[in-house]
């Protein structure tokens, strides 16, 4: 069974940190661009970051640049999202997903959910004092 599973979410105070993990089962992540998205209540799903299959190209949404770091460990079949200096507006359900087809990361201006195929179930991140 092909599956992506996110973990690492939770409740954190403003300024705190969390590391999210996206683990694959039933297939290897090696050949896929992996993206992180988030969706807050009443809002559209927003692209946060994505990483090429080799890890050499990375995209960050403007709202997360300098605070979030995406990485991957293909040997562990896992992609990570390190989130630092968290703000209340980062509160959302965070999802990882595989890009469909050929997906260029370098020079990208935005991420669109419809470009991504297999999705995890999401992990809740709540930033609150």
C-alpha atoms as a PDB file:
ATOM      1  CA  UNK A   1       0.000   0.000   0.000  1.00  0.00           C
ATOM      2  CA  UNK A   2       1.402   3.367  -1.078  1.00  0.00           C
ATOM      3  CA  UNK A   3       1.248   5.754   1.815  1.00  0.00           C
ATOM      4  CA  UNK A   4       2.713   8.976   3.171  1.00  0.00           C
ATOM      5  CA  UNK A   5       2.573   9.537   6.908  1.00  0.00           C
ATOM      6  CA  UNK A   6       3.267  12.886   8.559  1.00  0.00           C
ATOM      7  CA  UNK A   7       4.295  13.211  12.187  1.00  0.00           C
ATOM      8  CA  UNK A   8       5.849  15.674  14.583  1.00  0.00           C
ATOM      9  CA  UNK A   9       3.055  18.188  14.938  1.00  0.00           C
ATOM     10  CA  UNK A  10       1.865  19.542  18.254  1.00  0.00           C
ATOM     11  CA  UNK A  11       1.293  22.582  20.407  1.00  0.00           C
ATOM     12  CA  UNK A  12       4.178  25.038  20.685  1.00  0.00           C
ATOM     13  CA  UNK A  13       4.555  28.570  22.000  1.00  0.00           C
ATOM     14  CA  UNK A  14       5.340  31.457  19.662  1.00  0.00           C
ATOM     15  CA  UNK A  15       9.039  31.481  18.890  1.00  0.00           C
ATOM     16  CA  UNK A  16       9.314  27.754  19.405  1.00  0.00           C
ATOM     17  CA  UNK A  17      10.342  24.989  17.018  1.00  0.00           C
ATOM     18  CA  UNK A  18       8.994  21.753  15.646  1.00  0.00           C
ATOM     19  CA  UNK A  19      10.324  19.207  13.184  1.00  0.00           C
ATOM     20  CA  UNK A  20       7.820  17.477  10.960  1.00  0.00           C
ATOM     21  CA  UNK A  21       8.549  14.168   9.274  1.00  0.00           C
ATOM     22  CA  UNK A  22       7.027  12.689   6.135  1.00  0.00           C
ATOM     23  CA  UNK A  23       7.665   8.966   5.889  1.00  0.00           C
ATOM     24  CA  UNK A  24       6.798   6.853   2.870  1.00  0.00           C
ATOM     25  CA  UNK A  25       5.726   3.249   2.884  1.00  0.00           C
ATOM     26  CA  UNK A  26       5.044   0.989  -0.058  1.00  0.00           C
ATOM     27  CA  UNK A  27       7.233   3.015  -2.405  1.00  0.00           C
ATOM     28  CA  UNK A  28      10.528   4.876  -2.454  1.00  0.00           C
ATOM     29  CA  UNK A  29      10.679   8.652  -2.254  1.00  0.00           C
ATOM     30  CA  UNK A  30      14.017   8.783  -4.109  1.00  0.00           C
ATOM     31  CA  UNK A  31      12.560   9.766  -7.466  1.00  0.00           C
ATOM     32  CA  UNK A  32       9.947  12.238  -6.282  1.00  0.00           C
ATOM     33  CA  UNK A  33       9.818  15.928  -5.636  1.00  0.00           C
ATOM     34  CA  UNK A  34       8.188  16.210  -2.207  1.00  0.00           C
ATOM     35  CA  UNK A  35       6.160  19.186  -1.106  1.00  0.00           C
ATOM     36  CA  UNK A  36       4.863  20.428   2.220  1.00  0.00           C
ATOM     37  CA  UNK A  37       1.535  22.227   2.289  1.00  0.00           C
ATOM     38  CA  UNK A  38      -0.563  23.612   5.101  1.00  0.00           C
ATOM     39  CA  UNK A  39      -4.209  24.437   5.535  1.00  0.00           C
ATOM     40  CA  UNK A  40      -5.653  26.624   8.246  1.00  0.00           C
ATOM     41  CA  UNK A  41      -9.375  26.564   9.095  1.00  0.00           C
ATOM     42  CA  UNK A  42     -11.390  28.414   6.477  1.00  0.00           C
ATOM     43  CA  UNK A  43      -8.380  28.953   4.226  1.00  0.00           C
ATOM     44  CA  UNK A  44      -7.103  27.361   1.048  1.00  0.00           C
ATOM     45  CA  UNK A  45      -4.300  24.840   1.102  1.00  0.00           C
ATOM     46  CA  UNK A  46      -0.997  26.731   0.837  1.00  0.00           C
ATOM     47  CA  UNK A  47       2.337  25.510  -0.492  1.00  0.00           C
ATOM     48  CA  UNK A  48       5.088  25.862   2.118  1.00  0.00           C
ATOM     49  CA  UNK A  49       8.186  24.249   0.652  1.00  0.00           C
ATOM     50  CA  UNK A  50       9.330  21.581  -1.768  1.00  0.00           C
ATOM     51  CA  UNK A  51      12.547  19.715  -2.450  1.00  0.00           C
ATOM     52  CA  UNK A  52      13.876  18.003  -5.552  1.00  0.00           C
ATOM     53  CA  UNK A  53      14.576  14.275  -5.614  1.00  0.00           C
ATOM     54  CA  UNK A  54      18.314  14.825  -5.094  1.00  0.00           C
ATOM     55  CA  UNK A  55      17.811  17.581  -2.543  1.00  0.00           C
ATOM     56  CA  UNK A  56      19.794  20.039  -4.651  1.00  0.00           C
ATOM     57  CA  UNK A  57      16.871  22.359  -5.424  1.00  0.00           C
ATOM     58  CA  UNK A  58      14.554  23.802  -2.810  1.00  0.00           C
ATOM     59  CA  UNK A  59      11.618  26.210  -2.826  1.00  0.00           C
ATOM     60  CA  UNK A  60      10.206  28.140   0.128  1.00  0.00           C
ATOM     61  CA  UNK A  61       7.097  30.247   0.256  1.00  0.00           C
ATOM     62  CA  UNK A  62       7.847  33.849   1.215  1.00  0.00           C
ATOM     63  CA  UNK A  63       5.992  33.377   4.498  1.00  0.00           C
ATOM     64  CA  UNK A  64       8.453  30.687   5.621  1.00  0.00           C
ATOM     65  CA  UNK A  65      11.800  31.801   4.196  1.00  0.00           C
ATOM     66  CA  UNK A  66      14.498  32.046   6.834  1.00  0.00           C
ATOM     67  CA  UNK A  67      12.415  30.148   9.388  1.00  0.00           C
ATOM     68  CA  UNK A  68      11.668  26.759   7.806  1.00  0.00           C
ATOM     69  CA  UNK A  69      14.164  24.261   6.424  1.00  0.00           C
ATOM     70  CA  UNK A  70      13.230  21.293   4.264  1.00  0.00           C
ATOM     71  CA  UNK A  71      15.526  18.294   3.936  1.00  0.00           C
ATOM     72  CA  UNK A  72      15.380  14.685   2.917  1.00  0.00           C
ATOM     73  CA  UNK A  73      17.061  11.433   3.859  1.00  0.00           C
ATOM     74  CA  UNK A  74      16.434   9.048   1.000  1.00  0.00           C
ATOM     75  CA  UNK A  75      18.091   6.223   2.924  1.00  0.00           C
ATOM     76  CA  UNK A  76      15.344   6.598   5.544  1.00  0.00           C
ATOM     77  CA  UNK A  77      12.677   7.269   2.909  1.00  0.00           C
ATOM     78  CA  UNK A  78      11.761  10.409   4.818  1.00  0.00           C
ATOM     79  CA  UNK A  79      11.464  14.147   4.211  1.00  0.00           C
ATOM     80  CA  UNK A  80      11.658  16.661   7.042  1.00  0.00           C
ATOM     81  CA  UNK A  81      10.434  20.181   7.673  1.00  0.00           C
ATOM     82  CA  UNK A  82      12.281  21.983  10.453  1.00  0.00           C
ATOM     83  CA  UNK A  83      10.188  24.922  11.618  1.00  0.00           C
ATOM     84  CA  UNK A  84      11.793  27.596  13.785  1.00  0.00           C
ATOM     85  CA  UNK A  85      10.582  30.940  15.127  1.00  0.00           C
ATOM     86  CA  UNK A  86       7.020  29.744  14.855  1.00  0.00           C
ATOM     87  CA  UNK A  87       4.216  32.291  14.776  1.00  0.00           C
ATOM     88  CA  UNK A  88       0.500  31.961  15.552  1.00  0.00           C
ATOM     89  CA  UNK A  89      -0.210  32.355  11.836  1.00  0.00           C
ATOM     90  CA  UNK A  90       1.721  29.129  11.198  1.00  0.00           C
ATOM     91  CA  UNK A  91      -1.105  27.238  12.904  1.00  0.00           C
ATOM     92  CA  UNK A  92      -2.533  24.750  10.405  1.00  0.00           C
ATOM     93  CA  UNK A  93      -2.694  21.119   9.406  1.00  0.00           C
ATOM     94  CA  UNK A  94       0.515  20.313   7.568  1.00  0.00           C
ATOM     95  CA  UNK A  95       0.554  17.816   4.703  1.00  0.00           C
ATOM     96  CA  UNK A  96       3.273  16.271   2.584  1.00  0.00           C
ATOM     97  CA  UNK A  97       2.700  15.107  -0.971  1.00  0.00           C
ATOM     98  CA  UNK A  98       4.497  13.793  -4.042  1.00  0.00           C
ATOM     99  CA  UNK A  99       4.709  15.949  -7.158  1.00  0.00           C
ATOM    100  CA  UNK A 100       3.170  14.476 -10.277  1.00  0.00           C
ATOM    101  CA  UNK A 101       5.188  14.047 -13.441  1.00  0.00           C
ATOM    102  CA  UNK A 102       8.121  16.320 -14.192  1.00  0.00           C
ATOM    103  CA  UNK A 103       8.139  19.115 -11.629  1.00  0.00           C
ATOM    104  CA  UNK A 104      10.674  21.913 -11.702  1.00  0.00           C
ATOM    105  CA  UNK A 105      11.702  23.210  -8.277  1.00  0.00           C
ATOM    106  CA  UNK A 106      14.401  25.734  -9.232  1.00  0.00           C
ATOM    107  CA  UNK A 107      13.003  29.165 -10.028  1.00  0.00           C
ATOM    108  CA  UNK A 108       9.499  28.291  -8.867  1.00  0.00           C
ATOM    109  CA  UNK A 109       7.292  31.180  -7.704  1.00  0.00           C
ATOM    110  CA  UNK A 110       4.572  29.179  -6.011  1.00  0.00           C
ATOM    111  CA  UNK A 111       3.243  25.678  -5.360  1.00  0.00           C
ATOM    112  CA  UNK A 112      -0.178  24.500  -6.491  1.00  0.00           C
ATOM    113  CA  UNK A 113      -1.880  21.562  -4.752  1.00  0.00           C
ATOM    114  CA  UNK A 114      -3.210  20.181  -8.045  1.00  0.00           C
ATOM    115  CA  UNK A 115       0.395  19.509  -9.159  1.00  0.00           C
ATOM    116  CA  UNK A 116       0.754  16.982  -6.357  1.00  0.00           C
ATOM    117  CA  UNK A 117      -0.655  13.481  -6.204  1.00  0.00           C
ATOM    118  CA  UNK A 118      -0.256  11.222  -3.188  1.00  0.00           C
ATOM    119  CA  UNK A 119      -1.044  13.002   0.079  1.00  0.00           C
ATOM    120  CA  UNK A 120      -0.576  12.115   3.716  1.00  0.00           C
ATOM    121  CA  UNK A 121      -3.303  12.496   6.318  1.00  0.00           C
ATOM    122  CA  UNK A 122      -1.752  15.608   7.826  1.00  0.00           C
ATOM    123  CA  UNK A 123      -0.392  16.619  11.223  1.00  0.00           C
ATOM    124  CA  UNK A 124      -1.738  19.482  13.312  1.00  0.00           C
ATOM    125  CA  UNK A 125       0.570  22.326  14.269  1.00  0.00           C
ATOM    126  CA  UNK A 126      -0.759  24.823  16.792  1.00  0.00           C
ATOM    127  CA  UNK A 127       1.257  27.874  17.788  1.00  0.00           C
ATOM    128  CA  UNK A 128      -0.232  29.529  20.831  1.00  0.00           C
ATOM    129  CA  UNK A 129       0.736  30.895  24.215  1.00  0.00           C
END
